[in-house]
């Protein structure tokens, strides 16, 4: 049996911001207009996709963003705002203290 070294330390805010400094949107699927938020080395940090709302004539509601794909993504008026939200969520995840199960 190996000895546990304890929980990993979270990434610092400064290190997380340095990591995302060159992040940008990359079109993943032209038909569905889905984008990935990607760093310069190709690491996917989040997703941005069109948000639709039932009951609206056009159905269009803005851009949904998230660190992980989910049915409860936050909605923003522009792709760039949605990409920034996905990065904000990633920073929260990367800098969070590990939870004990």
PDB file of N, CA and C in Angstrom:
ATOM      1  N   UNK A   1       0.845  -1.171   0.000  1.00  0.00           N
ATOM      2  CA  UNK A   1       0.000   0.000   0.000  1.00  0.00           C
ATOM      3  C   UNK A   1       0.896   1.241   0.000  1.00  0.00           C
ATOM      4  N   UNK A   2       0.574   2.192  -0.847  1.00  0.00           N
ATOM      5  CA  UNK A   2       1.378   3.407  -0.909  1.00  0.00           C
ATOM      6  C   UNK A   2       0.822   4.459   0.020  1.00  0.00           C
ATOM      7  N   UNK A   3       1.697   5.277   0.494  1.00  0.00           N
ATOM      8  CA  UNK A   3       1.307   6.340   1.411  1.00  0.00           C
ATOM      9  C   UNK A   3       0.766   7.523   0.620  1.00  0.00           C
ATOM     10  N   UNK A   4      -0.345   8.087   1.054  1.00  0.00           N
ATOM     11  CA  UNK A   4      -0.949   9.239   0.390  1.00  0.00           C
ATOM     12  C   UNK A   4      -0.108  10.490   0.658  1.00  0.00           C
ATOM     13  N   UNK A   5       0.094  11.276  -0.376  1.00  0.00           N
ATOM     14  CA  UNK A   5       0.854  12.509  -0.220  1.00  0.00           C
ATOM     15  C   UNK A   5      -0.049  13.689   0.108  1.00  0.00           C
ATOM     16  N   UNK A   6      -1.339  13.440   0.252  1.00  0.00           N
ATOM     17  CA  UNK A   6      -2.265  14.515   0.570  1.00  0.00           C
ATOM     18  C   UNK A   6      -2.857  15.131  -0.682  1.00  0.00           C
ATOM     19  N   UNK A   7      -3.800  16.024  -0.508  1.00  0.00           N
ATOM     20  CA  UNK A   7      -4.453  16.637  -1.663  1.00  0.00           C
ATOM     21  C   UNK A   7      -3.497  17.553  -2.431  1.00  0.00           C
ATOM     22  N   UNK A   8      -3.702  17.595  -3.760  1.00  0.00           N
ATOM     23  CA  UNK A   8      -2.893  18.487  -4.585  1.00  0.00           C
ATOM     24  C   UNK A   8      -3.251  19.938  -4.280  1.00  0.00           C
ATOM     25  N   UNK A   9      -2.269  20.781  -4.404  1.00  0.00           N
ATOM     26  CA  UNK A   9      -2.527  22.210  -4.214  1.00  0.00           C
ATOM     27  C   UNK A   9      -3.189  22.769  -5.457  1.00  0.00           C
ATOM     28  N   UNK A  10      -4.139  23.688  -5.286  1.00  0.00           N
ATOM     29  CA  UNK A  10      -4.781  24.287  -6.457  1.00  0.00           C
ATOM     30  C   UNK A  10      -3.821  25.217  -7.188  1.00  0.00           C
ATOM     31  N   UNK A  11      -4.113  25.465  -8.444  1.00  0.00           N
ATOM     32  CA  UNK A  11      -3.336  26.405  -9.240  1.00  0.00           C
ATOM     33  C   UNK A  11      -3.575  27.813  -8.694  1.00  0.00           C
ATOM     34  N   UNK A  12      -2.556  28.645  -8.679  1.00  0.00           N
ATOM     35  CA  UNK A  12      -2.728  30.018  -8.204  1.00  0.00           C
ATOM     36  C   UNK A  12      -3.486  30.834  -9.258  1.00  0.00           C
ATOM     37  N   UNK A  13      -4.115  31.921  -8.812  1.00  0.00           N
ATOM     38  CA  UNK A  13      -4.824  32.819  -9.730  1.00  0.00           C
ATOM     39  C   UNK A  13      -3.865  33.334 -10.804  1.00  0.00           C
ATOM     40  N   UNK A  14      -2.665  33.714 -10.393  1.00  0.00           N
ATOM     41  CA  UNK A  14      -1.681  34.267 -11.332  1.00  0.00           C
ATOM     42  C   UNK A  14      -1.317  33.231 -12.390  1.00  0.00           C
ATOM     43  N   UNK A  15      -1.053  32.002 -11.970  1.00  0.00           N
ATOM     44  CA  UNK A  15      -0.677  30.934 -12.894  1.00  0.00           C
ATOM     45  C   UNK A  15      -1.835  30.618 -13.848  1.00  0.00           C
ATOM     46  N   UNK A  16      -3.063  30.602 -13.321  1.00  0.00           N
ATOM     47  CA  UNK A  16      -4.236  30.322 -14.147  1.00  0.00           C
ATOM     48  C   UNK A  16      -4.416  31.407 -15.210  1.00  0.00           C
ATOM     49  N   UNK A  17      -4.231  32.663 -14.823  1.00  0.00           N
ATOM     50  CA  UNK A  17      -4.380  33.762 -15.791  1.00  0.00           C
ATOM     51  C   UNK A  17      -3.276  33.727 -16.853  1.00  0.00           C
ATOM     52  N   UNK A  18      -2.075  33.349 -16.462  1.00  0.00           N
ATOM     53  CA  UNK A  18      -0.992  33.191 -17.431  1.00  0.00           C
ATOM     54  C   UNK A  18      -1.318  32.072 -18.416  1.00  0.00           C
ATOM     55  N   UNK A  19      -1.907  30.995 -17.915  1.00  0.00           N
ATOM     56  CA  UNK A  19      -2.238  29.847 -18.748  1.00  0.00           C
ATOM     57  C   UNK A  19      -3.270  30.196 -19.807  1.00  0.00           C
ATOM     58  N   UNK A  20      -4.231  31.066 -19.483  1.00  0.00           N
ATOM     59  CA  UNK A  20      -5.304  31.402 -20.425  1.00  0.00           C
ATOM     60  C   UNK A  20      -5.014  32.653 -21.252  1.00  0.00           C
ATOM     61  N   UNK A  21      -3.844  33.255 -21.076  1.00  0.00           N
ATOM     62  CA  UNK A  21      -3.541  34.538 -21.725  1.00  0.00           C
ATOM     63  C   UNK A  21      -3.721  34.503 -23.244  1.00  0.00           C
ATOM     64  N   UNK A  22      -3.411  33.397 -23.893  1.00  0.00           N
ATOM     65  CA  UNK A  22      -3.511  33.329 -25.354  1.00  0.00           C
ATOM     66  C   UNK A  22      -4.736  32.542 -25.826  1.00  0.00           C
ATOM     67  N   UNK A  23      -5.710  32.342 -24.955  1.00  0.00           N
ATOM     68  CA  UNK A  23      -6.915  31.578 -25.315  1.00  0.00           C
ATOM     69  C   UNK A  23      -7.742  32.337 -26.344  1.00  0.00           C
ATOM     70  N   UNK A  24      -8.377  31.587 -27.235  1.00  0.00           N
ATOM     71  CA  UNK A  24      -9.210  32.178 -28.276  1.00  0.00           C
ATOM     72  C   UNK A  24     -10.297  31.196 -28.692  1.00  0.00           C
ATOM     73  N   UNK A  25     -11.297  31.694 -29.416  1.00  0.00           N
ATOM     74  CA  UNK A  25     -12.392  30.856 -29.884  1.00  0.00           C
ATOM     75  C   UNK A  25     -12.005  30.170 -31.188  1.00  0.00           C
ATOM     76  N   UNK A  26     -12.329  28.893 -31.292  1.00  0.00           N
ATOM     77  CA  UNK A  26     -12.082  28.120 -32.507  1.00  0.00           C
ATOM     78  C   UNK A  26     -13.399  27.458 -32.900  1.00  0.00           C
ATOM     79  N   UNK A  27     -13.823  27.687 -34.150  1.00  0.00           N
ATOM     80  CA  UNK A  27     -15.061  27.098 -34.644  1.00  0.00           C
ATOM     81  C   UNK A  27     -14.905  25.580 -34.706  1.00  0.00           C
ATOM     82  N   UNK A  28     -15.759  24.870 -33.987  1.00  0.00           N
ATOM     83  CA  UNK A  28     -15.692  23.412 -33.974  1.00  0.00           C
ATOM     84  C   UNK A  28     -16.631  22.817 -35.016  1.00  0.00           C
ATOM     85  N   UNK A  29     -17.832  23.389 -35.159  1.00  0.00           N
ATOM     86  CA  UNK A  29     -18.823  22.844 -36.080  1.00  0.00           C
ATOM     87  C   UNK A  29     -19.565  23.997 -36.756  1.00  0.00           C
ATOM     88  N   UNK A  30     -19.354  24.143 -38.059  1.00  0.00           N
ATOM     89  CA  UNK A  30     -19.953  25.251 -38.807  1.00  0.00           C
ATOM     90  C   UNK A  30     -21.483  25.169 -38.828  1.00  0.00           C
ATOM     91  N   UNK A  31     -22.030  23.965 -38.938  1.00  0.00           N
ATOM     92  CA  UNK A  31     -23.482  23.809 -39.010  1.00  0.00           C
ATOM     93  C   UNK A  31     -24.175  24.223 -37.722  1.00  0.00           C
ATOM     94  N   UNK A  32     -23.637  23.810 -36.601  1.00  0.00           N
ATOM     95  CA  UNK A  32     -24.276  24.112 -35.312  1.00  0.00           C
ATOM     96  C   UNK A  32     -23.724  25.378 -34.669  1.00  0.00           C
ATOM     97  N   UNK A  33     -22.698  25.957 -35.275  1.00  0.00           N
ATOM     98  CA  UNK A  33     -22.030  27.163 -34.766  1.00  0.00           C
ATOM     99  C   UNK A  33     -21.505  26.973 -33.351  1.00  0.00           C
ATOM    100  N   UNK A  34     -20.930  25.829 -33.079  1.00  0.00           N
ATOM    101  CA  UNK A  34     -20.323  25.563 -31.777  1.00  0.00           C
ATOM    102  C   UNK A  34     -18.841  25.902 -31.826  1.00  0.00           C
ATOM    103  N   UNK A  35     -18.354  26.531 -30.757  1.00  0.00           N
ATOM    104  CA  UNK A  35     -16.958  26.943 -30.653  1.00  0.00           C
ATOM    105  C   UNK A  35     -16.329  26.307 -29.417  1.00  0.00           C
ATOM    106  N   UNK A  36     -15.024  26.119 -29.478  1.00  0.00           N
ATOM    107  CA  UNK A  36     -14.243  25.729 -28.307  1.00  0.00           C
ATOM    108  C   UNK A  36     -13.377  26.911 -27.915  1.00  0.00           C
ATOM    109  N   UNK A  37     -13.149  27.098 -26.615  1.00  0.00           N
ATOM    110  CA  UNK A  37     -12.207  28.095 -26.116  1.00  0.00           C
ATOM    111  C   UNK A  37     -10.894  27.335 -25.934  1.00  0.00           C
ATOM    112  N   UNK A  38      -9.869  27.713 -26.728  1.00  0.00           N
ATOM    113  CA  UNK A  38      -8.640  26.927 -26.831  1.00  0.00           C
ATOM    114  C   UNK A  38      -7.425  27.803 -26.536  1.00  0.00           C
ATOM    115  N   UNK A  39      -6.423  27.219 -25.832  1.00  0.00           N
ATOM    116  CA  UNK A  39      -5.157  27.917 -25.596  1.00  0.00           C
ATOM    117  C   UNK A  39      -4.256  27.731 -26.806  1.00  0.00           C
ATOM    118  N   UNK A  40      -3.125  28.403 -26.815  1.00  0.00           N
ATOM    119  CA  UNK A  40      -2.173  28.317 -27.919  1.00  0.00           C
ATOM    120  C   UNK A  40      -1.648  26.917 -28.148  1.00  0.00           C
ATOM    121  N   UNK A  41      -1.574  26.094 -27.091  1.00  0.00           N
ATOM    122  CA  UNK A  41      -1.066  24.727 -27.257  1.00  0.00           C
ATOM    123  C   UNK A  41      -2.169  23.717 -27.575  1.00  0.00           C
ATOM    124  N   UNK A  42      -3.406  24.195 -27.771  1.00  0.00           N
ATOM    125  CA  UNK A  42      -4.498  23.324 -28.172  1.00  0.00           C
ATOM    126  C   UNK A  42      -5.347  22.772 -27.048  1.00  0.00           C
ATOM    127  N   UNK A  43      -5.116  23.199 -25.819  1.00  0.00           N
ATOM    128  CA  UNK A  43      -5.915  22.732 -24.691  1.00  0.00           C
ATOM    129  C   UNK A  43      -7.291  23.392 -24.723  1.00  0.00           C
ATOM    130  N   UNK A  44      -8.343  22.586 -24.716  1.00  0.00           N
ATOM    131  CA  UNK A  44      -9.714  23.105 -24.715  1.00  0.00           C
ATOM    132  C   UNK A  44     -10.104  23.417 -23.275  1.00  0.00           C
ATOM    133  N   UNK A  45     -10.493  24.677 -23.038  1.00  0.00           N
ATOM    134  CA  UNK A  45     -10.840  25.125 -21.687  1.00  0.00           C
ATOM    135  C   UNK A  45     -12.335  25.309 -21.483  1.00  0.00           C
ATOM    136  N   UNK A  46     -13.095  25.440 -22.558  1.00  0.00           N
ATOM    137  CA  UNK A  46     -14.523  25.667 -22.430  1.00  0.00           C
ATOM    138  C   UNK A  46     -15.208  25.593 -23.775  1.00  0.00           C
ATOM    139  N   UNK A  47     -16.518  25.815 -23.761  1.00  0.00           N
ATOM    140  CA  UNK A  47     -17.329  25.713 -24.965  1.00  0.00           C
ATOM    141  C   UNK A  47     -18.263  26.907 -25.070  1.00  0.00           C
ATOM    142  N   UNK A  48     -18.565  27.296 -26.312  1.00  0.00           N
ATOM    143  CA  UNK A  48     -19.523  28.364 -26.588  1.00  0.00           C
ATOM    144  C   UNK A  48     -20.422  27.866 -27.705  1.00  0.00           C
ATOM    145  N   UNK A  49     -21.717  28.039 -27.528  1.00  0.00           N
ATOM    146  CA  UNK A  49     -22.662  27.591 -28.542  1.00  0.00           C
ATOM    147  C   UNK A  49     -23.897  28.479 -28.531  1.00  0.00           C
ATOM    148  N   UNK A  50     -24.661  28.492 -29.642  1.00  0.00           N
ATOM    149  CA  UNK A  50     -25.878  29.302 -29.674  1.00  0.00           C
ATOM    150  C   UNK A  50     -26.866  28.815 -28.628  1.00  0.00           C
ATOM    151  N   UNK A  51     -27.567  29.759 -28.035  1.00  0.00           N
ATOM    152  CA  UNK A  51     -28.587  29.421 -27.045  1.00  0.00           C
ATOM    153  C   UNK A  51     -29.953  29.719 -27.652  1.00  0.00           C
ATOM    154  N   UNK A  52     -30.842  28.793 -27.523  1.00  0.00           N
ATOM    155  CA  UNK A  52     -32.191  28.948 -28.057  1.00  0.00           C
ATOM    156  C   UNK A  52     -33.176  28.921 -26.912  1.00  0.00           C
ATOM    157  N   UNK A  53     -34.231  29.719 -27.070  1.00  0.00           N
ATOM    158  CA  UNK A  53     -35.245  29.793 -26.022  1.00  0.00           C
ATOM    159  C   UNK A  53     -36.596  29.454 -26.640  1.00  0.00           C
ATOM    160  N   UNK A  54     -37.265  28.524 -26.061  1.00  0.00           N
ATOM    161  CA  UNK A  54     -38.588  28.143 -26.555  1.00  0.00           C
ATOM    162  C   UNK A  54     -39.553  29.316 -26.424  1.00  0.00           C
ATOM    163  N   UNK A  55     -40.434  29.454 -27.389  1.00  0.00           N
ATOM    164  CA  UNK A  55     -41.446  30.502 -27.322  1.00  0.00           C
ATOM    165  C   UNK A  55     -41.071  31.775 -28.061  1.00  0.00           C
ATOM    166  N   UNK A  56     -39.779  31.947 -28.389  1.00  0.00           N
ATOM    167  CA  UNK A  56     -39.383  33.127 -29.165  1.00  0.00           C
ATOM    168  C   UNK A  56     -39.597  32.843 -30.639  1.00  0.00           C
ATOM    169  N   UNK A  57     -40.011  33.856 -31.377  1.00  0.00           N
ATOM    170  CA  UNK A  57     -40.289  33.664 -32.792  1.00  0.00           C
ATOM    171  C   UNK A  57     -39.054  33.174 -33.539  1.00  0.00           C
ATOM    172  N   UNK A  58     -37.915  33.778 -33.270  1.00  0.00           N
ATOM    173  CA  UNK A  58     -36.696  33.360 -33.965  1.00  0.00           C
ATOM    174  C   UNK A  58     -36.011  32.191 -33.260  1.00  0.00           C
ATOM    175  N   UNK A  59     -36.333  31.992 -31.975  1.00  0.00           N
ATOM    176  CA  UNK A  59     -35.699  30.930 -31.216  1.00  0.00           C
ATOM    177  C   UNK A  59     -34.330  31.313 -30.681  1.00  0.00           C
ATOM    178  N   UNK A  60     -33.715  32.343 -31.241  1.00  0.00           N
ATOM    179  CA  UNK A  60     -32.362  32.760 -30.873  1.00  0.00           C
ATOM    180  C   UNK A  60     -32.380  33.516 -29.554  1.00  0.00           C
ATOM    181  N   UNK A  61     -31.440  33.211 -28.679  1.00  0.00           N
ATOM    182  CA  UNK A  61     -31.434  33.845 -27.367  1.00  0.00           C
ATOM    183  C   UNK A  61     -30.066  34.390 -26.982  1.00  0.00           C
ATOM    184  N   UNK A  62     -29.031  34.141 -27.770  1.00  0.00           N
ATOM    185  CA  UNK A  62     -27.693  34.607 -27.440  1.00  0.00           C
ATOM    186  C   UNK A  62     -26.683  33.481 -27.532  1.00  0.00           C
ATOM    187  N   UNK A  63     -25.639  33.559 -26.725  1.00  0.00           N
ATOM    188  CA  UNK A  63     -24.571  32.560 -26.726  1.00  0.00           C
ATOM    189  C   UNK A  63     -24.432  31.947 -25.347  1.00  0.00           C
ATOM    190  N   UNK A  64     -24.420  30.623 -25.300  1.00  0.00           N
ATOM    191  CA  UNK A  64     -24.264  29.898 -24.039  1.00  0.00           C
ATOM    192  C   UNK A  64     -22.796  29.535 -23.869  1.00  0.00           C
ATOM    193  N   UNK A  65     -22.323  29.593 -22.632  1.00  0.00           N
ATOM    194  CA  UNK A  65     -20.917  29.311 -22.365  1.00  0.00           C
ATOM    195  C   UNK A  65     -20.776  28.442 -21.150  1.00  0.00           C
ATOM    196  N   UNK A  66     -19.709  27.658 -21.155  1.00  0.00           N
ATOM    197  CA  UNK A  66     -19.446  26.858 -19.979  1.00  0.00           C
ATOM    198  C   UNK A  66     -18.091  26.189 -20.018  1.00  0.00           C
ATOM    199  N   UNK A  67     -17.605  25.877 -18.846  1.00  0.00           N
ATOM    200  CA  UNK A  67     -16.354  25.132 -18.709  1.00  0.00           C
ATOM    201  C   UNK A  67     -16.598  23.686 -19.117  1.00  0.00           C
ATOM    202  N   UNK A  68     -17.769  23.174 -18.812  1.00  0.00           N
ATOM    203  CA  UNK A  68     -18.155  21.824 -19.207  1.00  0.00           C
ATOM    204  C   UNK A  68     -19.473  21.923 -19.960  1.00  0.00           C
ATOM    205  N   UNK A  69     -19.744  20.954 -20.800  1.00  0.00           N
ATOM    206  CA  UNK A  69     -21.002  20.960 -21.544  1.00  0.00           C
ATOM    207  C   UNK A  69     -22.132  20.595 -20.593  1.00  0.00           C
ATOM    208  N   UNK A  70     -23.175  21.406 -20.595  1.00  0.00           N
ATOM    209  CA  UNK A  70     -24.266  21.217 -19.650  1.00  0.00           C
ATOM    210  C   UNK A  70     -25.534  21.832 -20.214  1.00  0.00           C
ATOM    211  N   UNK A  71     -26.670  21.414 -19.695  1.00  0.00           N
ATOM    212  CA  UNK A  71     -27.934  22.002 -20.129  1.00  0.00           C
ATOM    213  C   UNK A  71     -28.200  23.325 -19.419  1.00  0.00           C
ATOM    214  N   UNK A  72     -27.376  23.678 -18.445  1.00  0.00           N
ATOM    215  CA  UNK A  72     -27.597  24.906 -17.674  1.00  0.00           C
ATOM    216  C   UNK A  72     -26.477  25.915 -17.904  1.00  0.00           C
ATOM    217  N   UNK A  73     -26.059  26.074 -19.155  1.00  0.00           N
ATOM    218  CA  UNK A  73     -25.006  27.033 -19.464  1.00  0.00           C
ATOM    219  C   UNK A  73     -25.535  28.450 -19.337  1.00  0.00           C
ATOM    220  N   UNK A  74     -24.685  29.369 -18.889  1.00  0.00           N
ATOM    221  CA  UNK A  74     -25.092  30.771 -18.800  1.00  0.00           C
ATOM    222  C   UNK A  74     -25.173  31.370 -20.200  1.00  0.00           C
ATOM    223  N   UNK A  75     -26.075  32.346 -20.413  1.00  0.00           N
ATOM    224  CA  UNK A  75     -26.315  32.924 -21.741  1.00  0.00           C
ATOM    225  C   UNK A  75     -25.818  34.362 -21.788  1.00  0.00           C
ATOM    226  N   UNK A  76     -25.138  34.728 -22.905  1.00  0.00           N
ATOM    227  CA  UNK A  76     -24.567  36.064 -23.092  1.00  0.00           C
ATOM    228  C   UNK A  76     -24.936  36.586 -24.475  1.00  0.00           C
ATOM    229  N   UNK A  77     -24.847  37.913 -24.650  1.00  0.00           N
ATOM    230  CA  UNK A  77     -25.281  38.512 -25.917  1.00  0.00           C
ATOM    231  C   UNK A  77     -24.254  38.370 -27.040  1.00  0.00           C
ATOM    232  N   UNK A  78     -22.975  38.187 -26.721  1.00  0.00           N
ATOM    233  CA  UNK A  78     -21.968  38.015 -27.775  1.00  0.00           C
ATOM    234  C   UNK A  78     -21.140  36.753 -27.536  1.00  0.00           C
ATOM    235  N   UNK A  79     -20.550  36.249 -28.607  1.00  0.00           N
ATOM    236  CA  UNK A  79     -19.657  35.086 -28.508  1.00  0.00           C
ATOM    237  C   UNK A  79     -18.477  35.374 -27.606  1.00  0.00           C
ATOM    238  N   UNK A  80     -17.896  36.568 -27.737  1.00  0.00           N
ATOM    239  CA  UNK A  80     -16.725  36.924 -26.925  1.00  0.00           C
ATOM    240  C   UNK A  80     -17.061  36.958 -25.434  1.00  0.00           C
ATOM    241  N   UNK A  81     -18.228  37.506 -25.086  1.00  0.00           N
ATOM    242  CA  UNK A  81     -18.645  37.517 -23.686  1.00  0.00           C
ATOM    243  C   UNK A  81     -18.824  36.087 -23.172  1.00  0.00           C
ATOM    244  N   UNK A  82     -19.404  35.240 -24.007  1.00  0.00           N
ATOM    245  CA  UNK A  82     -19.597  33.843 -23.622  1.00  0.00           C
ATOM    246  C   UNK A  82     -18.248  33.145 -23.459  1.00  0.00           C
ATOM    247  N   UNK A  83     -17.290  33.430 -24.334  1.00  0.00           N
ATOM    248  CA  UNK A  83     -15.955  32.856 -24.207  1.00  0.00           C
ATOM    249  C   UNK A  83     -15.269  33.305 -22.928  1.00  0.00           C
ATOM    250  N   UNK A  84     -15.427  34.578 -22.576  1.00  0.00           N
ATOM    251  CA  UNK A  84     -14.847  35.095 -21.332  1.00  0.00           C
ATOM    252  C   UNK A  84     -15.482  34.410 -20.122  1.00  0.00           C
ATOM    253  N   UNK A  85     -16.775  34.144 -20.182  1.00  0.00           N
ATOM    254  CA  UNK A  85     -17.453  33.436 -19.092  1.00  0.00           C
ATOM    255  C   UNK A  85     -16.927  32.008 -18.961  1.00  0.00           C
ATOM    256  N   UNK A  86     -16.703  31.351 -20.082  1.00  0.00           N
ATOM    257  CA  UNK A  86     -16.149  29.988 -20.035  1.00  0.00           C
ATOM    258  C   UNK A  86     -14.770  30.000 -19.383  1.00  0.00           C
ATOM    259  N   UNK A  87     -13.957  31.012 -19.690  1.00  0.00           N
ATOM    260  CA  UNK A  87     -12.630  31.118 -19.069  1.00  0.00           C
ATOM    261  C   UNK A  87     -12.737  31.422 -17.577  1.00  0.00           C
ATOM    262  N   UNK A  88     -13.697  32.266 -17.198  1.00  0.00           N
ATOM    263  CA  UNK A  88     -13.902  32.569 -15.780  1.00  0.00           C
ATOM    264  C   UNK A  88     -14.259  31.294 -15.017  1.00  0.00           C
ATOM    265  N   UNK A  89     -15.134  30.480 -15.605  1.00  0.00           N
ATOM    266  CA  UNK A  89     -15.510  29.224 -14.974  1.00  0.00           C
ATOM    267  C   UNK A  89     -14.312  28.281 -14.871  1.00  0.00           C
ATOM    268  N   UNK A  90     -13.469  28.260 -15.898  1.00  0.00           N
ATOM    269  CA  UNK A  90     -12.285  27.398 -15.864  1.00  0.00           C
ATOM    270  C   UNK A  90     -11.337  27.832 -14.751  1.00  0.00           C
ATOM    271  N   UNK A  91     -11.147  29.142 -14.596  1.00  0.00           N
ATOM    272  CA  UNK A  91     -10.270  29.650 -13.528  1.00  0.00           C
ATOM    273  C   UNK A  91     -10.813  29.224 -12.164  1.00  0.00           C
ATOM    274  N   UNK A  92     -12.132  29.336 -11.960  1.00  0.00           N
ATOM    275  CA  UNK A  92     -12.720  28.903 -10.693  1.00  0.00           C
ATOM    276  C   UNK A  92     -12.444  27.425 -10.439  1.00  0.00           C
ATOM    277  N   UNK A  93     -12.563  26.617 -11.477  1.00  0.00           N
ATOM    278  CA  UNK A  93     -12.311  25.187 -11.355  1.00  0.00           C
ATOM    279  C   UNK A  93     -10.839  24.899 -11.065  1.00  0.00           C
ATOM    280  N   UNK A  94      -9.945  25.560 -11.803  1.00  0.00           N
ATOM    281  CA  UNK A  94      -8.509  25.290 -11.676  1.00  0.00           C
ATOM    282  C   UNK A  94      -7.918  25.785 -10.359  1.00  0.00           C
ATOM    283  N   UNK A  95      -8.524  26.802  -9.778  1.00  0.00           N
ATOM    284  CA  UNK A  95      -7.975  27.367  -8.544  1.00  0.00           C
ATOM    285  C   UNK A  95      -8.705  26.901  -7.285  1.00  0.00           C
ATOM    286  N   UNK A  96      -9.717  26.056  -7.451  1.00  0.00           N
ATOM    287  CA  UNK A  96     -10.500  25.574  -6.304  1.00  0.00           C
ATOM    288  C   UNK A  96      -9.681  24.583  -5.477  1.00  0.00           C
ATOM    289  N   UNK A  97      -9.897  24.644  -4.190  1.00  0.00           N
ATOM    290  CA  UNK A  97      -9.245  23.673  -3.312  1.00  0.00           C
ATOM    291  C   UNK A  97      -9.873  22.310  -3.519  1.00  0.00           C
ATOM    292  N   UNK A  98      -9.084  21.247  -3.498  1.00  0.00           N
ATOM    293  CA  UNK A  98      -9.631  19.903  -3.691  1.00  0.00           C
ATOM    294  C   UNK A  98     -10.625  19.545  -2.600  1.00  0.00           C
ATOM    295  N   UNK A  99     -11.667  18.840  -2.971  1.00  0.00           N
ATOM    296  CA  UNK A  99     -12.670  18.402  -2.006  1.00  0.00           C
ATOM    297  C   UNK A  99     -12.334  16.982  -1.553  1.00  0.00           C
ATOM    298  N   UNK A 100     -12.652  16.712  -0.340  1.00  0.00           N
ATOM    299  CA  UNK A 100     -12.510  15.341   0.168  1.00  0.00           C
ATOM    300  C   UNK A 100     -13.819  14.614  -0.068  1.00  0.00           C
ATOM    301  N   UNK A 101     -13.704  13.389  -0.477  1.00  0.00           N
ATOM    302  CA  UNK A 101     -14.914  12.601  -0.774  1.00  0.00           C
ATOM    303  C   UNK A 101     -15.212  11.670   0.382  1.00  0.00           C
TER     304      UNK A 101
END
